[in-house]
């Protein structure tokens, strides 16, 4: 169901019209994309639209993005194997969606991004995917998707608990939530400020907020565990580095040998997670949760 953002009425999705039958409100269009929050399309906060150009060029080769994709694809197969519909909130350049679409060609795949700039890159990368401009704090769907994912998104939003409640509403009965976040407040550095993070999570904080939004957690694990000492050292060295001196290309474009070694180490971690282990510490955390019905 689509939820009208003007009068709050719900009406069936999949029709030829996005017009609300109750009040005739219709979402805007920005560069061909349906825009549910056009006022934020160019200045939504929490991220710099200029970053998308760097991400699109580098993420497909970077060990962390590639490893996270493998972990997410496994989690979908493991915890929601009968996937028919999927929404990624904060899809950026569409790198995650491209992997999910490839593995689930018969599912209805959708992606949203608050910044219209990101959607242009996603459209070039994806086919047969519904892309829209949307504010995660005000999602225009009710009981619409089997799985909803927010991957390194909610740390960029001050009202993270509101977002989690909106994700709950967008899921069908017994739907699955998948969230990844940066972890451990003691790792906070200038890089988090550069990335417009509001927080790095503790396990307890994330669990409390997800359960408080109406979910039952079914998988809760750290990753980037084997690299945690190197990550901590890197953050310590750069803790006082001015934000203006951060270069995102340097952060993402590692020497090929280093990138390959890090990729191998994360592959080992993913194997352990697939075997049923939940890693207690790591630079990032994955939570998979099931929607509880009231």
C-alpha atoms as a PDB file:
ATOM      1  CA  UNK A   1       0.000   0.000   0.000  1.00  0.00           C
ATOM      2  CA  UNK A   2       1.049   3.577  -0.685  1.00  0.00           C
ATOM      3  CA  UNK A   3       0.542   6.097   2.119  1.00  0.00           C
ATOM      4  CA  UNK A   4      -0.461   9.541   0.940  1.00  0.00           C
ATOM      5  CA  UNK A   5       1.925  12.076   2.455  1.00  0.00           C
ATOM      6  CA  UNK A   6      -0.762  14.754   2.328  1.00  0.00           C
ATOM      7  CA  UNK A   7      -3.838  13.156   3.930  1.00  0.00           C
ATOM      8  CA  UNK A   8      -2.322   9.883   5.250  1.00  0.00           C
ATOM      9  CA  UNK A   9      -4.802   7.713   3.321  1.00  0.00           C
ATOM     10  CA  UNK A  10      -3.527   4.327   2.129  1.00  0.00           C
ATOM     11  CA  UNK A  11      -4.251   3.008  -1.354  1.00  0.00           C
ATOM     12  CA  UNK A  12      -3.037   0.046  -3.428  1.00  0.00           C
ATOM     13  CA  UNK A  13       0.341   0.260  -5.122  1.00  0.00           C
ATOM     14  CA  UNK A  14       0.931  -1.008  -8.620  1.00  0.00           C
ATOM     15  CA  UNK A  15      -1.757   1.140 -10.239  1.00  0.00           C
ATOM     16  CA  UNK A  16      -0.979   3.340 -13.195  1.00  0.00           C
ATOM     17  CA  UNK A  17      -1.464   6.460 -11.108  1.00  0.00           C
ATOM     18  CA  UNK A  18       0.398   7.694  -8.022  1.00  0.00           C
ATOM     19  CA  UNK A  19      -2.408  10.155  -7.308  1.00  0.00           C
ATOM     20  CA  UNK A  20      -4.129   9.731  -3.951  1.00  0.00           C
ATOM     21  CA  UNK A  21      -7.777   8.788  -4.589  1.00  0.00           C
ATOM     22  CA  UNK A  22      -8.835  10.501  -1.357  1.00  0.00           C
ATOM     23  CA  UNK A  23      -7.298  13.968  -1.755  1.00  0.00           C
ATOM     24  CA  UNK A  24      -5.756  13.801  -5.263  1.00  0.00           C
ATOM     25  CA  UNK A  25      -2.267  14.627  -3.948  1.00  0.00           C
ATOM     26  CA  UNK A  26       0.451  13.519  -6.367  1.00  0.00           C
ATOM     27  CA  UNK A  27       4.194  13.278  -5.647  1.00  0.00           C
ATOM     28  CA  UNK A  28       6.542  15.521  -7.579  1.00  0.00           C
ATOM     29  CA  UNK A  29       8.970  14.493 -10.302  1.00  0.00           C
ATOM     30  CA  UNK A  30      12.648  15.391 -10.291  1.00  0.00           C
ATOM     31  CA  UNK A  31      14.646  14.491 -13.394  1.00  0.00           C
ATOM     32  CA  UNK A  32      12.223  11.658 -14.113  1.00  0.00           C
ATOM     33  CA  UNK A  33      12.220  10.207 -10.589  1.00  0.00           C
ATOM     34  CA  UNK A  34       9.184  10.207  -8.318  1.00  0.00           C
ATOM     35  CA  UNK A  35      10.012  12.638  -5.507  1.00  0.00           C
ATOM     36  CA  UNK A  36       8.253  12.246  -2.170  1.00  0.00           C
ATOM     37  CA  UNK A  37      10.404  14.848  -0.416  1.00  0.00           C
ATOM     38  CA  UNK A  38      11.511  17.312  -3.119  1.00  0.00           C
ATOM     39  CA  UNK A  39      12.390  19.958  -0.539  1.00  0.00           C
ATOM     40  CA  UNK A  40      15.357  17.749   0.511  1.00  0.00           C
ATOM     41  CA  UNK A  41      16.424  16.535  -2.932  1.00  0.00           C
ATOM     42  CA  UNK A  42      19.493  18.749  -3.132  1.00  0.00           C
ATOM     43  CA  UNK A  43      20.186  19.458   0.540  1.00  0.00           C
ATOM     44  CA  UNK A  44      18.865  16.602   2.637  1.00  0.00           C
ATOM     45  CA  UNK A  45      21.615  16.770   5.252  1.00  0.00           C
ATOM     46  CA  UNK A  46      23.693  13.930   6.671  1.00  0.00           C
ATOM     47  CA  UNK A  47      25.767  13.539   3.510  1.00  0.00           C
ATOM     48  CA  UNK A  48      27.433  15.566   0.798  1.00  0.00           C
ATOM     49  CA  UNK A  49      25.927  14.905  -2.665  1.00  0.00           C
ATOM     50  CA  UNK A  50      29.358  15.479  -4.188  1.00  0.00           C
ATOM     51  CA  UNK A  51      30.542  12.215  -2.572  1.00  0.00           C
ATOM     52  CA  UNK A  52      28.452  10.131  -4.981  1.00  0.00           C
ATOM     53  CA  UNK A  53      30.887  10.685  -7.832  1.00  0.00           C
ATOM     54  CA  UNK A  54      33.744   9.217  -5.767  1.00  0.00           C
ATOM     55  CA  UNK A  55      31.634   6.338  -4.476  1.00  0.00           C
ATOM     56  CA  UNK A  56      30.442   5.352  -7.936  1.00  0.00           C
ATOM     57  CA  UNK A  57      34.025   5.253  -9.183  1.00  0.00           C
ATOM     58  CA  UNK A  58      35.599   3.345  -6.286  1.00  0.00           C
ATOM     59  CA  UNK A  59      33.144   1.209  -4.309  1.00  0.00           C
ATOM     60  CA  UNK A  60      33.034  -1.706  -6.787  1.00  0.00           C
ATOM     61  CA  UNK A  61      36.750  -2.347  -6.203  1.00  0.00           C
ATOM     62  CA  UNK A  62      36.955  -1.559  -2.482  1.00  0.00           C
ATOM     63  CA  UNK A  63      37.207  -4.560  -0.141  1.00  0.00           C
ATOM     64  CA  UNK A  64      34.701  -3.208   2.382  1.00  0.00           C
ATOM     65  CA  UNK A  65      31.870  -2.493  -0.075  1.00  0.00           C
ATOM     66  CA  UNK A  66      32.391  -5.799  -1.870  1.00  0.00           C
ATOM     67  CA  UNK A  67      32.475  -7.781   1.383  1.00  0.00           C
ATOM     68  CA  UNK A  68      29.417  -6.043   2.777  1.00  0.00           C
ATOM     69  CA  UNK A  69      27.538  -6.924  -0.416  1.00  0.00           C
ATOM     70  CA  UNK A  70      28.431 -10.609  -0.033  1.00  0.00           C
ATOM     71  CA  UNK A  71      27.298 -10.574   3.591  1.00  0.00           C
ATOM     72  CA  UNK A  72      23.986  -8.891   2.753  1.00  0.00           C
ATOM     73  CA  UNK A  73      23.250 -11.257  -0.124  1.00  0.00           C
ATOM     74  CA  UNK A  74      23.874 -14.218   2.175  1.00  0.00           C
ATOM     75  CA  UNK A  75      21.605 -12.719   4.863  1.00  0.00           C
ATOM     76  CA  UNK A  76      18.714 -12.372   2.413  1.00  0.00           C
ATOM     77  CA  UNK A  77      19.090 -15.981   1.245  1.00  0.00           C
ATOM     78  CA  UNK A  78      19.375 -17.223   4.827  1.00  0.00           C
ATOM     79  CA  UNK A  79      16.621 -15.257   6.527  1.00  0.00           C
ATOM     80  CA  UNK A  80      14.162 -14.455   3.723  1.00  0.00           C
ATOM     81  CA  UNK A  81      14.725 -17.014   0.936  1.00  0.00           C
ATOM     82  CA  UNK A  82      11.290 -16.437  -0.613  1.00  0.00           C
ATOM     83  CA  UNK A  83      12.022 -12.783  -1.357  1.00  0.00           C
ATOM     84  CA  UNK A  84       9.404 -11.188  -3.606  1.00  0.00           C
ATOM     85  CA  UNK A  85       9.872  -7.500  -2.848  1.00  0.00           C
ATOM     86  CA  UNK A  86      12.752  -5.471  -1.457  1.00  0.00           C
ATOM     87  CA  UNK A  87      13.274  -1.797  -0.631  1.00  0.00           C
ATOM     88  CA  UNK A  88      16.649  -0.254   0.117  1.00  0.00           C
ATOM     89  CA  UNK A  89      16.385   3.053   1.966  1.00  0.00           C
ATOM     90  CA  UNK A  90      19.363   5.274   1.210  1.00  0.00           C
ATOM     91  CA  UNK A  91      20.473   3.341  -1.866  1.00  0.00           C
ATOM     92  CA  UNK A  92      23.157   5.846  -2.876  1.00  0.00           C
ATOM     93  CA  UNK A  93      24.698   4.864  -6.206  1.00  0.00           C
ATOM     94  CA  UNK A  94      22.855   1.530  -6.330  1.00  0.00           C
ATOM     95  CA  UNK A  95      25.861  -0.710  -5.629  1.00  0.00           C
ATOM     96  CA  UNK A  96      24.052  -2.839  -3.029  1.00  0.00           C
ATOM     97  CA  UNK A  97      20.895  -3.003  -5.130  1.00  0.00           C
ATOM     98  CA  UNK A  98      22.842  -4.204  -8.174  1.00  0.00           C
ATOM     99  CA  UNK A  99      24.005  -7.276  -6.246  1.00  0.00           C
ATOM    100  CA  UNK A 100      20.556  -7.992  -4.803  1.00  0.00           C
ATOM    101  CA  UNK A 101      18.906  -7.624  -8.199  1.00  0.00           C
ATOM    102  CA  UNK A 102      21.416  -9.994  -9.764  1.00  0.00           C
ATOM    103  CA  UNK A 103      20.742 -12.653  -7.109  1.00  0.00           C
ATOM    104  CA  UNK A 104      16.953 -12.151  -7.092  1.00  0.00           C
ATOM    105  CA  UNK A 105      15.950 -11.482 -10.714  1.00  0.00           C
ATOM    106  CA  UNK A 106      12.279 -12.317 -10.141  1.00  0.00           C
ATOM    107  CA  UNK A 107      11.787 -10.048  -7.120  1.00  0.00           C
ATOM    108  CA  UNK A 108      10.399  -6.526  -7.249  1.00  0.00           C
ATOM    109  CA  UNK A 109      13.328  -4.326  -6.271  1.00  0.00           C
ATOM    110  CA  UNK A 110      13.047  -0.682  -5.222  1.00  0.00           C
ATOM    111  CA  UNK A 111      15.529   1.882  -3.994  1.00  0.00           C
ATOM    112  CA  UNK A 112      15.133   5.281  -2.398  1.00  0.00           C
ATOM    113  CA  UNK A 113      17.597   8.096  -1.830  1.00  0.00           C
ATOM    114  CA  UNK A 114      17.020  11.520  -0.311  1.00  0.00           C
ATOM    115  CA  UNK A 115      19.505  13.081  -2.748  1.00  0.00           C
ATOM    116  CA  UNK A 116      18.479  13.177  -6.406  1.00  0.00           C
ATOM    117  CA  UNK A 117      22.197  13.187  -7.329  1.00  0.00           C
ATOM    118  CA  UNK A 118      22.603   9.615  -6.093  1.00  0.00           C
ATOM    119  CA  UNK A 119      19.665   8.346  -8.113  1.00  0.00           C
ATOM    120  CA  UNK A 120      21.339   9.339 -11.386  1.00  0.00           C
ATOM    121  CA  UNK A 121      24.239   6.983 -10.659  1.00  0.00           C
ATOM    122  CA  UNK A 122      21.878   4.225  -9.496  1.00  0.00           C
ATOM    123  CA  UNK A 123      19.819   4.486 -12.688  1.00  0.00           C
ATOM    124  CA  UNK A 124      22.958   3.952 -14.798  1.00  0.00           C
ATOM    125  CA  UNK A 125      23.831   0.840 -12.786  1.00  0.00           C
ATOM    126  CA  UNK A 126      20.391  -0.760 -12.558  1.00  0.00           C
ATOM    127  CA  UNK A 127      17.641  -1.999 -14.834  1.00  0.00           C
ATOM    128  CA  UNK A 128      14.073  -2.916 -13.882  1.00  0.00           C
ATOM    129  CA  UNK A 129      14.457  -1.292 -10.462  1.00  0.00           C
ATOM    130  CA  UNK A 130      12.040   1.319  -9.157  1.00  0.00           C
ATOM    131  CA  UNK A 131      14.030   4.330  -7.949  1.00  0.00           C
ATOM    132  CA  UNK A 132      12.552   7.227  -5.991  1.00  0.00           C
ATOM    133  CA  UNK A 133      13.568  10.298  -4.015  1.00  0.00           C
ATOM    134  CA  UNK A 134      12.349   9.917  -0.442  1.00  0.00           C
ATOM    135  CA  UNK A 135      12.935  11.013   3.144  1.00  0.00           C
ATOM    136  CA  UNK A 136      13.451   7.972   5.423  1.00  0.00           C
ATOM    137  CA  UNK A 137      11.718   9.866   8.222  1.00  0.00           C
ATOM    138  CA  UNK A 138       8.482   9.916   6.214  1.00  0.00           C
ATOM    139  CA  UNK A 139       8.147   6.733   4.147  1.00  0.00           C
ATOM    140  CA  UNK A 140       5.112   6.608   1.827  1.00  0.00           C
ATOM    141  CA  UNK A 141       4.474   2.846   2.140  1.00  0.00           C
ATOM    142  CA  UNK A 142       2.451   0.657   4.486  1.00  0.00           C
ATOM    143  CA  UNK A 143       2.900  -3.154   4.614  1.00  0.00           C
ATOM    144  CA  UNK A 144       4.391  -3.107   1.118  1.00  0.00           C
ATOM    145  CA  UNK A 145       7.726  -4.985   1.171  1.00  0.00           C
ATOM    146  CA  UNK A 146       9.018  -8.402   2.250  1.00  0.00           C
ATOM    147  CA  UNK A 147      12.440  -7.002   3.159  1.00  0.00           C
ATOM    148  CA  UNK A 148      13.590  -3.452   3.871  1.00  0.00           C
ATOM    149  CA  UNK A 149      17.272  -2.596   4.189  1.00  0.00           C
ATOM    150  CA  UNK A 150      19.135   0.465   5.462  1.00  0.00           C
ATOM    151  CA  UNK A 151      22.870  -0.036   5.029  1.00  0.00           C
ATOM    152  CA  UNK A 152      25.053   2.512   6.800  1.00  0.00           C
ATOM    153  CA  UNK A 153      22.207   5.003   6.679  1.00  0.00           C
ATOM    154  CA  UNK A 154      20.600   5.570  10.083  1.00  0.00           C
ATOM    155  CA  UNK A 155      23.825   6.877  11.661  1.00  0.00           C
ATOM    156  CA  UNK A 156      23.474   9.836   9.257  1.00  0.00           C
ATOM    157  CA  UNK A 157      20.013  10.716  10.620  1.00  0.00           C
ATOM    158  CA  UNK A 158      19.460  12.338  13.994  1.00  0.00           C
ATOM    159  CA  UNK A 159      15.943  10.861  14.283  1.00  0.00           C
ATOM    160  CA  UNK A 160      17.059   7.239  13.902  1.00  0.00           C
ATOM    161  CA  UNK A 161      14.237   5.835  16.070  1.00  0.00           C
ATOM    162  CA  UNK A 162      11.656   7.566  13.873  1.00  0.00           C
ATOM    163  CA  UNK A 163      13.288   6.006  10.808  1.00  0.00           C
ATOM    164  CA  UNK A 164      13.153   2.530  12.367  1.00  0.00           C
ATOM    165  CA  UNK A 165       9.433   2.962  13.091  1.00  0.00           C
ATOM    166  CA  UNK A 166       8.881   4.002   9.466  1.00  0.00           C
ATOM    167  CA  UNK A 167      10.756   0.924   8.237  1.00  0.00           C
ATOM    168  CA  UNK A 168       8.532  -1.234  10.471  1.00  0.00           C
ATOM    169  CA  UNK A 169       5.401   0.279   8.928  1.00  0.00           C
ATOM    170  CA  UNK A 170       6.673  -0.309   5.367  1.00  0.00           C
ATOM    171  CA  UNK A 171       7.169  -4.044   5.948  1.00  0.00           C
ATOM    172  CA  UNK A 172       4.570  -6.727   5.376  1.00  0.00           C
ATOM    173  CA  UNK A 173       3.533  -9.071   8.163  1.00  0.00           C
ATOM    174  CA  UNK A 174       6.578 -11.190   9.148  1.00  0.00           C
ATOM    175  CA  UNK A 175       8.728  -8.922   6.991  1.00  0.00           C
ATOM    176  CA  UNK A 176      12.469  -8.697   7.513  1.00  0.00           C
ATOM    177  CA  UNK A 177      14.542  -5.660   8.451  1.00  0.00           C
ATOM    178  CA  UNK A 178      18.265  -5.564   7.607  1.00  0.00           C
ATOM    179  CA  UNK A 179      20.458  -2.807   9.036  1.00  0.00           C
ATOM    180  CA  UNK A 180      24.194  -2.164   9.041  1.00  0.00           C
ATOM    181  CA  UNK A 181      25.841   0.612  11.052  1.00  0.00           C
ATOM    182  CA  UNK A 182      29.304   1.771  12.142  1.00  0.00           C
ATOM    183  CA  UNK A 183      30.066   0.492  15.618  1.00  0.00           C
ATOM    184  CA  UNK A 184      31.919   1.433  18.818  1.00  0.00           C
ATOM    185  CA  UNK A 185      31.805   5.100  19.919  1.00  0.00           C
ATOM    186  CA  UNK A 186      35.471   4.820  20.960  1.00  0.00           C
ATOM    187  CA  UNK A 187      36.342   4.607  17.253  1.00  0.00           C
ATOM    188  CA  UNK A 188      34.916   8.094  16.667  1.00  0.00           C
ATOM    189  CA  UNK A 189      37.267  10.263  14.615  1.00  0.00           C
ATOM    190  CA  UNK A 190      37.367  13.124  12.170  1.00  0.00           C
ATOM    191  CA  UNK A 191      36.369  10.634   9.475  1.00  0.00           C
ATOM    192  CA  UNK A 192      32.966  10.270  11.178  1.00  0.00           C
ATOM    193  CA  UNK A 193      32.571  14.037  11.175  1.00  0.00           C
ATOM    194  CA  UNK A 194      33.551  14.130   7.496  1.00  0.00           C
ATOM    195  CA  UNK A 195      30.944  11.439   6.811  1.00  0.00           C
ATOM    196  CA  UNK A 196      28.257  13.423   8.682  1.00  0.00           C
ATOM    197  CA  UNK A 197      27.633  10.701  11.250  1.00  0.00           C
ATOM    198  CA  UNK A 198      25.540  11.542  14.274  1.00  0.00           C
ATOM    199  CA  UNK A 199      26.789   8.483  16.140  1.00  0.00           C
ATOM    200  CA  UNK A 200      28.675   5.209  16.138  1.00  0.00           C
ATOM    201  CA  UNK A 201      26.480   2.591  17.816  1.00  0.00           C
ATOM    202  CA  UNK A 202      27.005   0.291  20.733  1.00  0.00           C
ATOM    203  CA  UNK A 203      25.409  -3.124  20.374  1.00  0.00           C
ATOM    204  CA  UNK A 204      23.090  -2.355  23.294  1.00  0.00           C
ATOM    205  CA  UNK A 205      21.902   0.961  21.836  1.00  0.00           C
ATOM    206  CA  UNK A 206      21.152  -0.513  18.416  1.00  0.00           C
ATOM    207  CA  UNK A 207      19.374  -3.534  19.880  1.00  0.00           C
ATOM    208  CA  UNK A 208      17.265  -1.332  22.157  1.00  0.00           C
ATOM    209  CA  UNK A 209      16.202   0.949  19.313  1.00  0.00           C
ATOM    210  CA  UNK A 210      15.387  -1.873  16.890  1.00  0.00           C
ATOM    211  CA  UNK A 211      13.389  -3.822  19.458  1.00  0.00           C
ATOM    212  CA  UNK A 212      11.684  -0.606  20.558  1.00  0.00           C
ATOM    213  CA  UNK A 213      10.488  -0.064  16.985  1.00  0.00           C
ATOM    214  CA  UNK A 214       8.633  -3.391  17.082  1.00  0.00           C
ATOM    215  CA  UNK A 215      11.161  -5.919  15.804  1.00  0.00           C
ATOM    216  CA  UNK A 216      12.428  -9.272  17.046  1.00  0.00           C
ATOM    217  CA  UNK A 217      16.144  -9.655  16.322  1.00  0.00           C
ATOM    218  CA  UNK A 218      17.114 -12.908  14.610  1.00  0.00           C
ATOM    219  CA  UNK A 219      20.764 -12.186  13.722  1.00  0.00           C
ATOM    220  CA  UNK A 220      23.085  -9.721  15.410  1.00  0.00           C
ATOM    221  CA  UNK A 221      26.786  -9.742  14.584  1.00  0.00           C
ATOM    222  CA  UNK A 222      29.791  -7.521  14.174  1.00  0.00           C
ATOM    223  CA  UNK A 223      31.929  -7.610  11.065  1.00  0.00           C
ATOM    224  CA  UNK A 224      35.242  -5.995  10.117  1.00  0.00           C
ATOM    225  CA  UNK A 225      36.461  -7.820  13.225  1.00  0.00           C
ATOM    226  CA  UNK A 226      39.885  -9.047  12.123  1.00  0.00           C
ATOM    227  CA  UNK A 227      40.729  -5.546  10.930  1.00  0.00           C
ATOM    228  CA  UNK A 228      39.611  -3.863  14.143  1.00  0.00           C
ATOM    229  CA  UNK A 229      43.156  -3.309  15.512  1.00  0.00           C
ATOM    230  CA  UNK A 230      44.272  -1.695  12.238  1.00  0.00           C
ATOM    231  CA  UNK A 231      41.086   0.346  12.129  1.00  0.00           C
ATOM    232  CA  UNK A 232      41.578   1.543  15.706  1.00  0.00           C
ATOM    233  CA  UNK A 233      45.168   2.561  14.959  1.00  0.00           C
ATOM    234  CA  UNK A 234      44.090   4.415  11.829  1.00  0.00           C
ATOM    235  CA  UNK A 235      41.399   6.308  13.745  1.00  0.00           C
ATOM    236  CA  UNK A 236      43.828   7.147  16.544  1.00  0.00           C
ATOM    237  CA  UNK A 237      46.396   8.553  14.121  1.00  0.00           C
ATOM    238  CA  UNK A 238      43.743  10.651  12.372  1.00  0.00           C
ATOM    239  CA  UNK A 239      41.687  11.590  15.412  1.00  0.00           C
ATOM    240  CA  UNK A 240      42.803  15.241  15.350  1.00  0.00           C
ATOM    241  CA  UNK A 241      43.098  15.602  11.588  1.00  0.00           C
ATOM    242  CA  UNK A 242      40.977  18.539  10.343  1.00  0.00           C
ATOM    243  CA  UNK A 243      37.889  17.598   8.366  1.00  0.00           C
ATOM    244  CA  UNK A 244      39.085  19.780   5.480  1.00  0.00           C
ATOM    245  CA  UNK A 245      42.129  17.540   5.029  1.00  0.00           C
ATOM    246  CA  UNK A 246      40.144  14.289   4.609  1.00  0.00           C
ATOM    247  CA  UNK A 247      40.300  12.899   1.064  1.00  0.00           C
ATOM    248  CA  UNK A 248      37.610  10.302   0.392  1.00  0.00           C
ATOM    249  CA  UNK A 249      39.504   8.890  -2.591  1.00  0.00           C
ATOM    250  CA  UNK A 250      42.537   8.178  -0.404  1.00  0.00           C
ATOM    251  CA  UNK A 251      40.299   6.485   2.168  1.00  0.00           C
ATOM    252  CA  UNK A 252      38.706   4.197  -0.431  1.00  0.00           C
ATOM    253  CA  UNK A 253      41.486   3.631  -2.965  1.00  0.00           C
ATOM    254  CA  UNK A 254      43.925   1.310  -1.183  1.00  0.00           C
ATOM    255  CA  UNK A 255      47.002  -0.300  -2.764  1.00  0.00           C
ATOM    256  CA  UNK A 256      45.921  -3.418  -4.658  1.00  0.00           C
ATOM    257  CA  UNK A 257      47.829  -5.827  -2.398  1.00  0.00           C
ATOM    258  CA  UNK A 258      46.412  -4.293   0.785  1.00  0.00           C
ATOM    259  CA  UNK A 259      42.907  -4.293  -0.680  1.00  0.00           C
ATOM    260  CA  UNK A 260      43.261  -7.995  -1.613  1.00  0.00           C
ATOM    261  CA  UNK A 261      44.508  -8.961   1.862  1.00  0.00           C
ATOM    262  CA  UNK A 262      41.679  -7.075   3.572  1.00  0.00           C
ATOM    263  CA  UNK A 263      39.179  -8.699   1.213  1.00  0.00           C
ATOM    264  CA  UNK A 264      40.531 -12.146   2.151  1.00  0.00           C
ATOM    265  CA  UNK A 265      40.270 -11.395   5.870  1.00  0.00           C
ATOM    266  CA  UNK A 266      36.665 -10.264   5.538  1.00  0.00           C
ATOM    267  CA  UNK A 267      35.892 -13.384   3.495  1.00  0.00           C
ATOM    268  CA  UNK A 268      37.077 -15.407   6.492  1.00  0.00           C
ATOM    269  CA  UNK A 269      34.770 -13.427   8.756  1.00  0.00           C
ATOM    270  CA  UNK A 270      31.800 -13.994   6.465  1.00  0.00           C
ATOM    271  CA  UNK A 271      32.535 -17.736   6.504  1.00  0.00           C
ATOM    272  CA  UNK A 272      32.426 -17.681  10.316  1.00  0.00           C
ATOM    273  CA  UNK A 273      29.131 -15.754  10.293  1.00  0.00           C
ATOM    274  CA  UNK A 274      27.647 -18.190   7.789  1.00  0.00           C
ATOM    275  CA  UNK A 275      28.688 -21.023  10.112  1.00  0.00           C
ATOM    276  CA  UNK A 276      26.513 -19.498  12.820  1.00  0.00           C
ATOM    277  CA  UNK A 277      28.925 -17.357  14.821  1.00  0.00           C
ATOM    278  CA  UNK A 278      28.069 -13.862  15.983  1.00  0.00           C
ATOM    279  CA  UNK A 279      31.233 -11.808  16.269  1.00  0.00           C
ATOM    280  CA  UNK A 280      31.286  -9.634  19.404  1.00  0.00           C
ATOM    281  CA  UNK A 281      33.345  -6.677  18.164  1.00  0.00           C
ATOM    282  CA  UNK A 282      34.127  -5.040  14.837  1.00  0.00           C
ATOM    283  CA  UNK A 283      34.051  -1.798  12.932  1.00  0.00           C
ATOM    284  CA  UNK A 284      30.513  -2.488  11.678  1.00  0.00           C
ATOM    285  CA  UNK A 285      27.436  -4.364  12.855  1.00  0.00           C
ATOM    286  CA  UNK A 286      24.713  -6.235  10.953  1.00  0.00           C
ATOM    287  CA  UNK A 287      21.291  -6.765  12.503  1.00  0.00           C
ATOM    288  CA  UNK A 288      18.540  -8.821  10.879  1.00  0.00           C
ATOM    289  CA  UNK A 289      15.142  -8.583  12.559  1.00  0.00           C
ATOM    290  CA  UNK A 290      11.586  -9.782  12.034  1.00  0.00           C
ATOM    291  CA  UNK A 291       8.598  -7.472  12.219  1.00  0.00           C
ATOM    292  CA  UNK A 292       6.463  -8.119  15.288  1.00  0.00           C
ATOM    293  CA  UNK A 293       2.773  -7.638  14.761  1.00  0.00           C
ATOM    294  CA  UNK A 294       0.856  -5.746  17.434  1.00  0.00           C
END
